[in-house]
Amino acid sequence: MPGHVVSRPPDRALLAGTGCGPGGQAFWPPARPGRCPVPGCGTAIDTSRLMCRRDWYAVPKALRDRVWATWQSGRGALGRDHREAVRLAIAASQAAR
């Protein structure tokens, strides 16, 4: 079928819990482990999160979607596209402050 993309199901080991990323393990090394990486914030966060809830929802929806799309259930976690999306998300959240 033209234009149809078939993808394999995500690895179950990576999907442990709602919104827990790779089984609840840290997926991005923040500047200070367990703290929101957005400059000027520093709120305590679970290490499986990118940033605190306040800062995450300050990021425009299209950019949040890009972070998730490049994350690929953990397979793209340290790829160039994901790192760039994360960098832009942190910058966008900082700018919203």
N, C-alpha and C. Protein backbone atom coordinates (compact mmCIF):
# COMPACT_ATOMS: atom_id res chain seq x y z
N MET A 1 0.85 -1.17 0.00
CA MET A 1 0.00 0.00 0.00
C MET A 1 0.90 1.24 0.00
N PRO A 2 0.81 2.12 -0.99
CA PRO A 2 1.67 3.29 -1.07
C PRO A 2 1.46 4.23 0.12
N GLY A 3 2.58 4.72 0.64
CA GLY A 3 2.51 5.67 1.74
C GLY A 3 2.20 5.05 3.09
N HIS A 4 2.00 3.74 3.13
CA HIS A 4 1.67 3.08 4.39
C HIS A 4 2.97 2.66 5.08
N VAL A 5 3.10 3.04 6.34
CA VAL A 5 4.29 2.70 7.10
C VAL A 5 3.94 1.60 8.09
N VAL A 6 4.70 0.55 8.08
CA VAL A 6 4.49 -0.53 9.02
C VAL A 6 5.61 -0.46 10.04
N SER A 7 5.24 -0.42 11.29
CA SER A 7 6.26 -0.39 12.33
C SER A 7 6.07 -1.58 13.25
N ARG A 8 7.17 -1.99 13.85
CA ARG A 8 7.06 -3.10 14.77
C ARG A 8 6.57 -2.59 16.11
N PRO A 9 5.91 -3.44 16.89
CA PRO A 9 5.43 -2.98 18.19
C PRO A 9 6.61 -2.62 19.10
N PRO A 10 6.41 -1.65 20.00
CA PRO A 10 7.51 -1.26 20.89
C PRO A 10 7.87 -2.39 21.84
N ASP A 11 9.10 -2.38 22.26
CA ASP A 11 9.60 -3.37 23.20
C ASP A 11 8.88 -3.17 24.53
N ARG A 12 8.23 -4.21 25.02
CA ARG A 12 7.46 -4.12 26.27
C ARG A 12 8.34 -3.69 27.45
N ALA A 13 9.60 -4.07 27.45
CA ALA A 13 10.49 -3.72 28.55
C ALA A 13 10.67 -2.20 28.66
N LEU A 14 10.47 -1.49 27.56
CA LEU A 14 10.64 -0.05 27.57
C LEU A 14 9.39 0.70 28.03
N LEU A 15 8.29 -0.01 28.13
CA LEU A 15 7.02 0.65 28.42
C LEU A 15 6.49 0.30 29.80
N ALA A 16 7.30 0.31 30.81
CA ALA A 16 6.88 -0.05 32.16
C ALA A 16 6.26 1.14 32.86
N GLY A 17 4.96 1.25 32.82
CA GLY A 17 4.26 2.31 33.53
C GLY A 17 3.88 3.47 32.64
N THR A 18 2.88 4.19 33.06
CA THR A 18 2.38 5.32 32.30
C THR A 18 3.38 6.47 32.30
N GLY A 19 3.86 6.83 31.14
CA GLY A 19 4.76 7.97 31.00
C GLY A 19 6.11 7.80 31.66
N CYS A 20 6.53 6.56 31.87
CA CYS A 20 7.79 6.33 32.58
C CYS A 20 8.98 6.19 31.65
N GLY A 21 8.82 6.44 30.38
CA GLY A 21 9.96 6.32 29.48
C GLY A 21 10.50 4.90 29.50
N PRO A 22 11.79 4.73 29.55
CA PRO A 22 12.37 3.40 29.46
C PRO A 22 12.33 2.64 30.77
N GLY A 23 11.15 2.15 31.12
CA GLY A 23 11.03 1.37 32.34
C GLY A 23 11.30 2.17 33.60
N GLY A 24 11.05 3.46 33.56
CA GLY A 24 11.23 4.29 34.74
C GLY A 24 12.67 4.70 35.00
N GLN A 25 13.56 4.41 34.07
CA GLN A 25 14.96 4.78 34.25
C GLN A 25 15.22 6.14 33.59
N ALA A 26 16.24 6.81 34.06
CA ALA A 26 16.57 8.13 33.52
C ALA A 26 16.91 8.01 32.03
N PHE A 27 16.39 8.93 31.23
CA PHE A 27 16.67 8.89 29.81
C PHE A 27 17.47 10.08 29.32
N TRP A 28 17.70 11.04 30.15
CA TRP A 28 18.48 12.19 29.74
C TRP A 28 19.28 12.65 30.94
N PRO A 29 20.56 12.77 30.83
CA PRO A 29 21.33 13.17 32.00
C PRO A 29 21.23 14.67 32.26
N PRO A 30 20.36 15.09 33.19
CA PRO A 30 20.25 16.52 33.49
C PRO A 30 21.53 17.03 34.15
N ALA A 31 21.68 18.35 34.17
CA ALA A 31 22.88 18.95 34.77
C ALA A 31 23.01 18.52 36.23
N ARG A 32 21.90 18.48 36.94
CA ARG A 32 21.88 18.00 38.33
C ARG A 32 20.85 16.88 38.38
N PRO A 33 21.26 15.66 38.57
CA PRO A 33 20.30 14.54 38.59
C PRO A 33 19.15 14.80 39.56
N GLY A 34 17.94 14.54 39.08
CA GLY A 34 16.76 14.73 39.92
C GLY A 34 16.27 16.16 40.00
N ARG A 35 16.79 17.03 39.14
CA ARG A 35 16.38 18.43 39.11
C ARG A 35 16.00 18.83 37.69
N CYS A 36 15.02 19.71 37.58
CA CYS A 36 14.61 20.21 36.27
C CYS A 36 15.80 20.94 35.64
N PRO A 37 16.13 20.63 34.36
CA PRO A 37 17.30 21.23 33.72
C PRO A 37 17.08 22.64 33.17
N VAL A 38 15.86 23.15 33.27
CA VAL A 38 15.59 24.48 32.74
C VAL A 38 16.26 25.52 33.65
N PRO A 39 17.16 26.33 33.07
CA PRO A 39 17.83 27.35 33.88
C PRO A 39 16.82 28.22 34.63
N GLY A 40 17.08 28.40 35.92
CA GLY A 40 16.19 29.21 36.74
C GLY A 40 15.11 28.40 37.44
N CYS A 41 15.05 27.09 37.19
CA CYS A 41 14.02 26.27 37.82
C CYS A 41 14.63 25.42 38.94
N GLY A 42 15.17 24.27 38.59
CA GLY A 42 15.79 23.41 39.59
C GLY A 42 14.81 22.63 40.45
N THR A 43 13.54 22.58 40.09
CA THR A 43 12.55 21.81 40.84
C THR A 43 12.95 20.34 40.85
N ALA A 44 12.74 19.68 41.99
CA ALA A 44 13.03 18.25 42.09
C ALA A 44 12.09 17.48 41.16
N ILE A 45 12.66 16.57 40.36
CA ILE A 45 11.86 15.74 39.45
C ILE A 45 12.34 14.30 39.53
N ASP A 46 11.49 13.39 39.13
CA ASP A 46 11.89 11.99 38.99
C ASP A 46 12.89 11.94 37.84
N THR A 47 13.92 11.14 37.97
CA THR A 47 14.96 11.10 36.94
C THR A 47 14.49 10.49 35.63
N SER A 48 13.28 9.94 35.60
CA SER A 48 12.74 9.43 34.34
C SER A 48 12.06 10.53 33.54
N ARG A 49 11.99 11.73 34.08
CA ARG A 49 11.35 12.87 33.40
C ARG A 49 12.40 13.79 32.79
N LEU A 50 12.00 14.47 31.75
CA LEU A 50 12.89 15.45 31.12
C LEU A 50 12.97 16.72 31.95
N MET A 51 11.80 17.21 32.39
CA MET A 51 11.74 18.45 33.15
C MET A 51 10.49 18.43 34.00
N CYS A 52 10.33 19.42 34.85
CA CYS A 52 9.15 19.48 35.72
C CYS A 52 7.90 19.75 34.88
N ARG A 53 6.76 19.44 35.46
CA ARG A 53 5.48 19.58 34.77
C ARG A 53 5.25 21.02 34.29
N ARG A 54 5.53 21.98 35.16
CA ARG A 54 5.32 23.39 34.80
C ARG A 54 6.10 23.76 33.54
N ASP A 55 7.38 23.38 33.52
CA ASP A 55 8.21 23.73 32.37
C ASP A 55 7.83 22.93 31.13
N TRP A 56 7.47 21.64 31.30
CA TRP A 56 7.09 20.82 30.15
C TRP A 56 5.89 21.43 29.44
N TYR A 57 4.88 21.88 30.20
CA TYR A 57 3.69 22.43 29.55
C TYR A 57 3.88 23.87 29.10
N ALA A 58 5.01 24.47 29.38
CA ALA A 58 5.35 25.78 28.81
C ALA A 58 5.95 25.61 27.42
N VAL A 59 6.36 24.40 27.09
CA VAL A 59 6.92 24.09 25.76
C VAL A 59 5.75 23.97 24.78
N PRO A 60 5.83 24.61 23.61
CA PRO A 60 4.75 24.50 22.63
C PRO A 60 4.46 23.03 22.28
N LYS A 61 3.19 22.72 22.08
CA LYS A 61 2.74 21.35 21.82
C LYS A 61 3.49 20.71 20.67
N ALA A 62 3.71 21.43 19.59
CA ALA A 62 4.41 20.86 18.43
C ALA A 62 5.83 20.43 18.81
N LEU A 63 6.48 21.18 19.68
CA LEU A 63 7.83 20.83 20.10
C LEU A 63 7.80 19.66 21.08
N ARG A 64 6.79 19.63 21.98
CA ARG A 64 6.65 18.46 22.86
C ARG A 64 6.45 17.20 22.03
N ASP A 65 5.63 17.31 20.98
CA ASP A 65 5.41 16.16 20.09
C ASP A 65 6.71 15.74 19.41
N ARG A 66 7.54 16.70 19.06
CA ARG A 66 8.82 16.38 18.42
C ARG A 66 9.75 15.64 19.39
N VAL A 67 9.75 16.06 20.65
CA VAL A 67 10.56 15.36 21.66
C VAL A 67 10.11 13.91 21.74
N TRP A 68 8.79 13.68 21.82
CA TRP A 68 8.28 12.31 21.90
C TRP A 68 8.55 11.53 20.63
N ALA A 69 8.38 12.15 19.48
CA ALA A 69 8.59 11.44 18.21
C ALA A 69 10.04 11.01 18.04
N THR A 70 10.96 11.83 18.49
CA THR A 70 12.38 11.47 18.37
C THR A 70 12.82 10.53 19.48
N TRP A 71 12.04 10.45 20.53
CA TRP A 71 12.32 9.54 21.65
C TRP A 71 12.15 8.09 21.21
N GLN A 72 11.11 7.80 20.45
CA GLN A 72 10.85 6.46 19.86
C GLN A 72 10.91 5.35 20.91
N SER A 73 10.18 5.51 22.00
CA SER A 73 10.13 4.51 23.08
C SER A 73 11.52 4.14 23.57
N GLY A 74 12.42 5.09 23.57
CA GLY A 74 13.76 4.87 24.08
C GLY A 74 14.80 4.56 23.03
N ARG A 75 14.37 4.12 21.86
CA ARG A 75 15.33 3.75 20.81
C ARG A 75 16.11 4.95 20.29
N GLY A 76 15.51 6.13 20.32
CA GLY A 76 16.19 7.33 19.81
C GLY A 76 16.71 8.24 20.91
N ALA A 77 16.72 7.75 22.14
CA ALA A 77 17.01 8.58 23.31
C ALA A 77 18.27 9.42 23.20
N LEU A 78 19.33 8.90 22.71
CA LEU A 78 20.56 9.68 22.64
C LEU A 78 20.94 10.05 21.21
N GLY A 79 20.01 9.90 20.30
CA GLY A 79 20.26 10.28 18.91
C GLY A 79 20.33 11.79 18.74
N ARG A 80 20.94 12.22 17.66
CA ARG A 80 21.11 13.65 17.39
C ARG A 80 19.76 14.38 17.33
N ASP A 81 18.77 13.78 16.67
CA ASP A 81 17.46 14.44 16.54
C ASP A 81 16.80 14.63 17.90
N HIS A 82 16.90 13.62 18.76
CA HIS A 82 16.29 13.73 20.08
C HIS A 82 17.02 14.75 20.94
N ARG A 83 18.35 14.72 20.91
CA ARG A 83 19.12 15.70 21.69
C ARG A 83 18.78 17.13 21.26
N GLU A 84 18.63 17.34 19.96
CA GLU A 84 18.28 18.67 19.45
C GLU A 84 16.87 19.07 19.89
N ALA A 85 15.93 18.14 19.82
CA ALA A 85 14.56 18.42 20.26
C ALA A 85 14.54 18.77 21.75
N VAL A 86 15.30 18.05 22.55
CA VAL A 86 15.37 18.32 23.99
C VAL A 86 15.99 19.70 24.23
N ARG A 87 17.06 20.01 23.51
CA ARG A 87 17.71 21.31 23.67
C ARG A 87 16.72 22.45 23.35
N LEU A 88 15.97 22.28 22.27
CA LEU A 88 14.99 23.30 21.88
C LEU A 88 13.86 23.39 22.90
N ALA A 89 13.44 22.26 23.45
CA ALA A 89 12.37 22.26 24.47
C ALA A 89 12.83 23.00 25.72
N ILE A 90 14.05 22.74 26.16
CA ILE A 90 14.57 23.44 27.34
C ILE A 90 14.67 24.94 27.07
N ALA A 91 15.15 25.31 25.89
CA ALA A 91 15.26 26.73 25.53
C ALA A 91 13.87 27.39 25.47
N ALA A 92 12.89 26.68 24.91
CA ALA A 92 11.53 27.22 24.80
C ALA A 92 10.92 27.43 26.18
N SER A 93 11.13 26.48 27.07
CA SER A 93 10.59 26.60 28.41
C SER A 93 11.26 27.75 29.15
N GLN A 94 12.56 27.89 28.99
CA GLN A 94 13.28 28.99 29.63
C GLN A 94 12.77 30.33 29.11
N ALA A 95 12.55 30.42 27.80
CA ALA A 95 12.06 31.65 27.19
C ALA A 95 10.65 32.00 27.70
N ALA A 96 9.86 30.97 28.01
CA ALA A 96 8.49 31.22 28.50
C ALA A 96 8.49 31.76 29.92
N ARG A 97 9.58 31.56 30.64
CA ARG A 97 9.66 32.09 32.02
C ARG A 97 9.74 33.56 31.94
